[in-house]
Amino acid sequence: METKLEQIAVKARREPNLRFTSLAHHITRDRVQKNLLQIPKRSAAGVDGQTVEAAKESFEDWIGPMLQSIHRQGYRAPNIRRVYIPKPGKTEKRPLGVPTVSDRALQRSTAEVLSAIYEQDFLPCSFGGRPKLSAHHALATLNEVIAGGMISWVLEADLKNFFGSLDHDWVLRFVEHRVGDPRLISLIRRWLKAGVLEDGAVHPSEQGTPQGGSISVLLSNLYLHYVLDLWFERVVKGRL
C-alpha cells in the first residue's frame, strides 16, 4: 500500500500541475481496516452509537457496501455529532465534530491518499496537522529565523472560527486543482454537506468543515495553502 502512495508522491512532486483522475481505487479494504485499527479504543462514538470495538467486530459487514457506494458516487456521509470542549485559558468552548467510527476510518484513509499529493505542494512554512510535523517544529524554525536574521517584529494572528467558516465552493475548487477523480470529489462534497447533530436536532451544513475529522484537517490546510501561504510567499514576503 505504501509503495503505491510513494509512487503518487513522486509523480505529484515531478508534475506540480498534474490532476490525478484515478485515486478512489487506493481507498482499499486493507487501508480502511488499517486506519480503523489505529483508532483508540476509548474514542467517542458518533451519531450511530457504535463503539470502536463494535466497528472492528462488524468490519466485514460494512466495508463492502461502503467501498461500493464510493465507486458509484452514492456514499451517504453520516451526520456529525457536535460536542464542545474547553479552550485553554478561555471561558468560551471549541466546537468539535465527532464522526461515526467507520466514517472516521474512511476519512483517515482518504486523507492518507490525498496527503501523498498535497504534501508535495504544501510550503515549508506550514506545520499544523501535517505528518511528522508539530508546533515544536514550528517553534524551532521560528527560533532559527529570528537568530539568523535582522528581525524587528513578530506578528501573531488568529483566524476566528476558521474550521466553521470555510467556503465549501472554494474548498472544492482548490481540491480540483490536483484531483480530477469524480468519485473523490463527490465523497468530499458529501462530507462537507453532512448534517450536524446538536441538542437532539440535525442542522444542515452550509459552510465550514467539522473540527475533529481527519479530512477536515487536510481540507483546512489545503484552503490555507491557497489563500494564505502562497499569497504571503509570493506577494507579501517581497515587500518586507
Protein backbone atom coordinates (compact mmCIF):
# COMPACT_ATOMS: atom_id res chain seq x y z
CA MET A 1 0.00 0.00 0.00
CA GLU A 2 2.71 2.44 0.98
CA THR A 3 4.65 1.80 -2.23
CA LYS A 4 1.64 2.94 -4.26
CA LEU A 5 1.37 6.14 -2.22
CA GLU A 6 5.08 6.76 -2.70
CA GLN A 7 4.57 6.46 -6.45
CA ILE A 8 1.77 9.04 -6.27
CA ALA A 9 4.02 11.34 -4.23
CA VAL A 10 6.87 11.08 -6.75
CA LYS A 11 4.52 11.86 -9.62
CA ALA A 12 2.96 14.80 -7.77
CA ARG A 13 6.41 16.21 -6.98
CA ARG A 14 7.63 15.88 -10.57
CA GLU A 15 4.47 17.29 -12.14
CA PRO A 16 3.09 20.12 -9.97
CA ASN A 17 0.28 20.88 -12.41
CA LEU A 18 -0.90 17.29 -12.87
CA ARG A 19 -4.51 16.41 -11.99
CA PHE A 20 -4.93 12.86 -10.69
CA THR A 21 -8.01 11.35 -12.34
CA SER A 22 -7.93 7.88 -10.75
CA LEU A 23 -7.46 7.76 -6.98
CA ALA A 24 -10.50 6.04 -5.46
CA HIS A 25 -9.08 2.55 -6.01
CA HIS A 26 -6.34 3.40 -3.48
CA ILE A 27 -9.01 3.54 -0.78
CA THR A 28 -8.97 -0.19 -0.23
CA ARG A 29 -10.40 -2.62 2.27
CA ASP A 30 -6.94 -3.13 3.79
CA ARG A 31 -6.27 0.59 4.06
CA VAL A 32 -9.57 1.28 5.81
CA GLN A 33 -9.01 -1.65 8.17
CA LYS A 34 -5.51 -0.45 9.00
CA ASN A 35 -6.82 3.00 9.88
CA LEU A 36 -9.70 1.53 11.85
CA LEU A 37 -7.25 -0.44 13.98
CA GLN A 38 -5.35 2.78 14.73
CA ILE A 39 -8.39 4.49 16.28
CA PRO A 40 -8.02 4.42 20.08
CA LYS A 41 -10.46 2.04 21.80
CA ARG A 42 -11.83 4.76 24.06
CA SER A 43 -12.67 7.15 21.21
CA ALA A 44 -16.17 8.59 21.40
CA ALA A 45 -18.94 7.08 19.30
CA GLY A 46 -20.68 9.04 16.57
CA VAL A 47 -24.39 9.54 15.94
CA ASP A 48 -24.95 5.80 15.43
CA GLY A 49 -23.64 4.99 18.92
CA GLN A 50 -21.26 2.37 17.52
CA THR A 51 -18.11 1.92 19.59
CA VAL A 52 -14.66 1.30 18.17
CA GLU A 53 -14.78 -2.33 19.27
CA ALA A 54 -18.18 -2.84 17.67
CA ALA A 55 -16.98 -1.28 14.40
CA LYS A 56 -14.00 -3.63 14.36
CA GLU A 57 -16.17 -6.68 15.03
CA SER A 58 -18.63 -5.77 12.26
CA PHE A 59 -15.98 -4.63 9.78
CA GLU A 60 -16.73 -7.36 7.23
CA ASP A 61 -20.40 -6.35 7.23
CA TRP A 62 -19.93 -2.66 6.38
CA ILE A 63 -16.68 -2.36 4.43
CA GLY A 64 -18.02 -3.88 1.18
CA PRO A 65 -21.14 -1.66 0.90
CA MET A 66 -19.05 1.38 1.91
CA LEU A 67 -16.48 0.90 -0.88
CA GLN A 68 -19.18 0.11 -3.43
CA SER A 69 -21.05 3.32 -2.56
CA ILE A 70 -17.86 5.36 -3.07
CA HIS A 71 -17.30 3.96 -6.57
CA ARG A 72 -20.87 4.67 -7.65
CA GLN A 73 -20.68 8.14 -6.03
CA GLY A 74 -23.51 7.28 -3.66
CA TYR A 75 -21.80 7.35 -0.27
CA ARG A 76 -24.03 8.86 2.40
CA ALA A 77 -21.85 10.70 4.88
CA PRO A 78 -23.30 10.15 8.39
CA ASN A 79 -24.33 13.16 10.42
CA ILE A 80 -21.65 14.62 12.69
CA ARG A 81 -22.24 14.69 16.44
CA ARG A 82 -21.20 18.09 17.81
CA VAL A 83 -19.72 18.45 21.27
CA TYR A 84 -17.99 21.36 22.95
CA ILE A 85 -14.61 21.22 24.68
CA PRO A 86 -12.93 23.93 26.81
CA LYS A 87 -10.44 26.30 25.19
CA PRO A 88 -7.25 26.55 27.29
CA GLY A 89 -7.22 29.85 29.20
CA LYS A 90 -10.62 30.97 27.86
CA THR A 91 -14.22 30.84 29.01
CA GLU A 92 -15.60 30.06 25.55
CA LYS A 93 -15.65 26.50 24.26
CA ARG A 94 -14.46 24.98 21.00
CA PRO A 95 -16.98 23.05 18.84
CA LEU A 96 -15.75 19.57 17.95
CA GLY A 97 -17.29 17.26 15.37
CA VAL A 98 -17.43 13.53 16.16
CA PRO A 99 -17.89 11.33 13.04
CA THR A 100 -19.02 7.72 13.30
CA VAL A 101 -16.17 5.27 13.81
CA SER A 102 -16.48 3.69 10.35
CA ASP A 103 -16.64 7.12 8.70
CA ARG A 104 -13.59 8.15 10.73
CA ALA A 105 -11.63 5.20 9.32
CA LEU A 106 -12.70 6.17 5.81
CA GLN A 107 -11.74 9.82 6.37
CA ARG A 108 -8.31 8.78 7.60
CA SER A 109 -7.82 6.54 4.58
CA THR A 110 -8.87 9.24 2.13
CA ALA A 111 -6.69 11.85 3.83
CA GLU A 112 -3.77 9.40 3.61
CA VAL A 113 -4.18 9.06 -0.16
CA LEU A 114 -4.64 12.80 -0.76
CA SER A 115 -1.71 13.69 1.51
CA ALA A 116 0.60 11.81 -0.86
CA ILE A 117 -0.23 14.56 -3.37
CA TYR A 118 -0.61 17.64 -1.20
CA GLU A 119 2.46 17.05 0.94
CA GLN A 120 4.43 17.76 -2.24
CA ASP A 121 2.63 21.10 -2.67
CA PHE A 122 2.49 22.47 0.87
CA LEU A 123 5.15 25.02 1.73
CA PRO A 124 7.85 24.56 4.40
CA CYS A 125 6.22 27.31 6.49
CA SER A 126 3.13 25.13 7.11
CA PHE A 127 3.25 22.95 10.22
CA GLY A 128 -0.25 22.34 11.58
CA GLY A 129 -1.86 18.95 11.19
CA ARG A 130 0.79 17.57 8.86
CA PRO A 131 2.54 14.17 9.10
CA LYS A 132 5.70 14.21 11.22
CA LEU A 133 5.37 17.97 11.93
CA SER A 134 4.17 19.73 15.08
CA ALA A 135 4.18 23.01 16.99
CA HIS A 136 7.65 22.09 18.29
CA HIS A 137 9.00 22.10 14.72
CA ALA A 138 7.34 25.46 14.11
CA LEU A 139 8.95 26.96 17.22
CA ALA A 140 12.36 25.55 16.30
CA THR A 141 12.07 27.10 12.83
CA LEU A 142 10.95 30.42 14.30
CA ASN A 143 13.94 30.45 16.64
CA GLU A 144 16.26 29.68 13.75
CA VAL A 145 14.83 32.51 11.63
CA ILE A 146 14.99 35.04 14.46
CA ALA A 147 18.52 34.07 15.46
CA GLY A 148 19.79 34.14 11.88
CA GLY A 149 18.37 37.43 10.63
CA MET A 150 17.70 41.06 11.40
CA ILE A 151 14.23 40.53 12.86
CA SER A 152 12.47 43.51 14.45
CA TRP A 153 8.86 42.37 14.54
CA VAL A 154 6.94 39.14 15.05
CA LEU A 155 3.24 39.22 14.16
CA GLU A 156 0.84 36.78 15.75
CA ALA A 157 -2.67 36.44 14.28
CA ASP A 158 -5.59 34.13 14.99
CA LEU A 159 -8.18 33.02 12.45
CA LYS A 160 -11.50 33.26 14.27
CA ASN A 161 -13.82 30.27 13.76
CA PHE A 162 -11.62 29.06 10.91
CA PHE A 163 -12.95 25.50 10.66
CA GLY A 164 -16.53 26.72 10.95
CA SER A 165 -16.33 29.37 8.24
CA LEU A 166 -14.67 27.68 5.27
CA ASP A 167 -16.49 28.26 1.98
CA HIS A 168 -17.49 24.88 0.50
CA ASP A 169 -17.33 26.01 -3.12
CA TRP A 170 -13.81 27.34 -2.72
CA VAL A 171 -12.66 24.21 -0.87
CA LEU A 172 -13.85 22.04 -3.76
CA ARG A 173 -12.29 24.34 -6.35
CA PHE A 174 -8.96 24.08 -4.54
CA VAL A 175 -9.24 20.29 -4.35
CA GLU A 176 -9.96 20.12 -8.08
CA HIS A 177 -6.63 21.79 -8.89
CA ARG A 178 -5.00 18.41 -8.24
CA VAL A 179 -7.84 15.89 -8.04
CA GLY A 180 -9.85 15.02 -11.13
CA ASP A 181 -11.41 11.80 -9.83
CA PRO A 182 -15.19 12.49 -9.63
CA ARG A 183 -15.59 9.76 -7.00
CA LEU A 184 -13.34 11.60 -4.56
CA ILE A 185 -14.85 14.97 -5.37
CA SER A 186 -18.29 13.51 -4.62
CA LEU A 187 -17.03 11.96 -1.38
CA ILE A 188 -15.52 15.22 -0.15
CA ARG A 189 -18.64 17.18 -1.11
CA ARG A 190 -20.79 14.80 0.94
CA TRP A 191 -18.51 15.16 3.95
CA LEU A 192 -18.74 18.94 3.70
CA LYS A 193 -22.54 18.80 3.47
CA ALA A 194 -23.06 16.23 6.25
CA GLY A 195 -25.62 17.35 8.82
CA VAL A 196 -24.63 18.32 12.35
CA LEU A 197 -26.46 16.76 15.32
CA GLU A 198 -26.70 19.17 18.25
CA ASP A 199 -29.22 19.27 21.11
CA GLY A 200 -31.23 16.48 19.54
CA ALA A 201 -31.70 18.25 16.19
CA VAL A 202 -29.85 17.85 12.88
CA HIS A 203 -28.76 21.10 11.24
CA PRO A 204 -27.69 21.41 7.58
CA SER A 205 -24.06 22.35 6.93
CA GLU A 206 -23.82 25.36 4.61
CA GLN A 207 -20.23 26.27 5.37
CA GLY A 208 -17.24 25.03 7.34
CA THR A 209 -15.82 21.59 7.94
CA PRO A 210 -16.22 19.98 11.38
CA GLN A 211 -13.12 20.28 13.54
CA GLY A 212 -12.34 16.75 14.64
CA GLY A 213 -12.45 14.79 11.39
CA SER A 214 -9.24 13.72 9.64
CA ILE A 215 -10.43 15.02 6.28
CA SER A 216 -11.20 18.40 7.86
CA VAL A 217 -7.57 18.89 8.84
CA LEU A 218 -6.37 18.17 5.31
CA LEU A 219 -9.02 20.37 3.67
CA SER A 220 -8.24 23.21 6.06
CA ASN A 221 -4.54 23.00 5.26
CA LEU A 222 -5.35 22.96 1.57
CA TYR A 223 -7.53 26.07 1.94
CA LEU A 224 -4.79 27.88 3.86
CA HIS A 225 -2.22 26.85 1.28
CA TYR A 226 -4.03 28.74 -1.46
CA VAL A 227 -5.46 31.73 0.39
CA LEU A 228 -2.69 32.44 2.91
CA ASP A 229 0.61 30.61 2.41
CA LEU A 230 1.03 31.19 -1.34
CA TRP A 231 -0.21 34.79 -1.02
CA PHE A 232 2.29 35.53 1.74
CA GLU A 233 5.20 33.86 -0.05
CA ARG A 234 4.54 35.39 -3.48
CA VAL A 235 3.03 38.78 -2.65
CA VAL A 236 3.78 39.87 0.91
CA LYS A 237 7.26 38.50 1.56
CA GLY A 238 8.89 40.57 -1.20
CA ARG A 239 7.63 43.78 0.43
CA LEU A 240 9.06 43.11 3.87
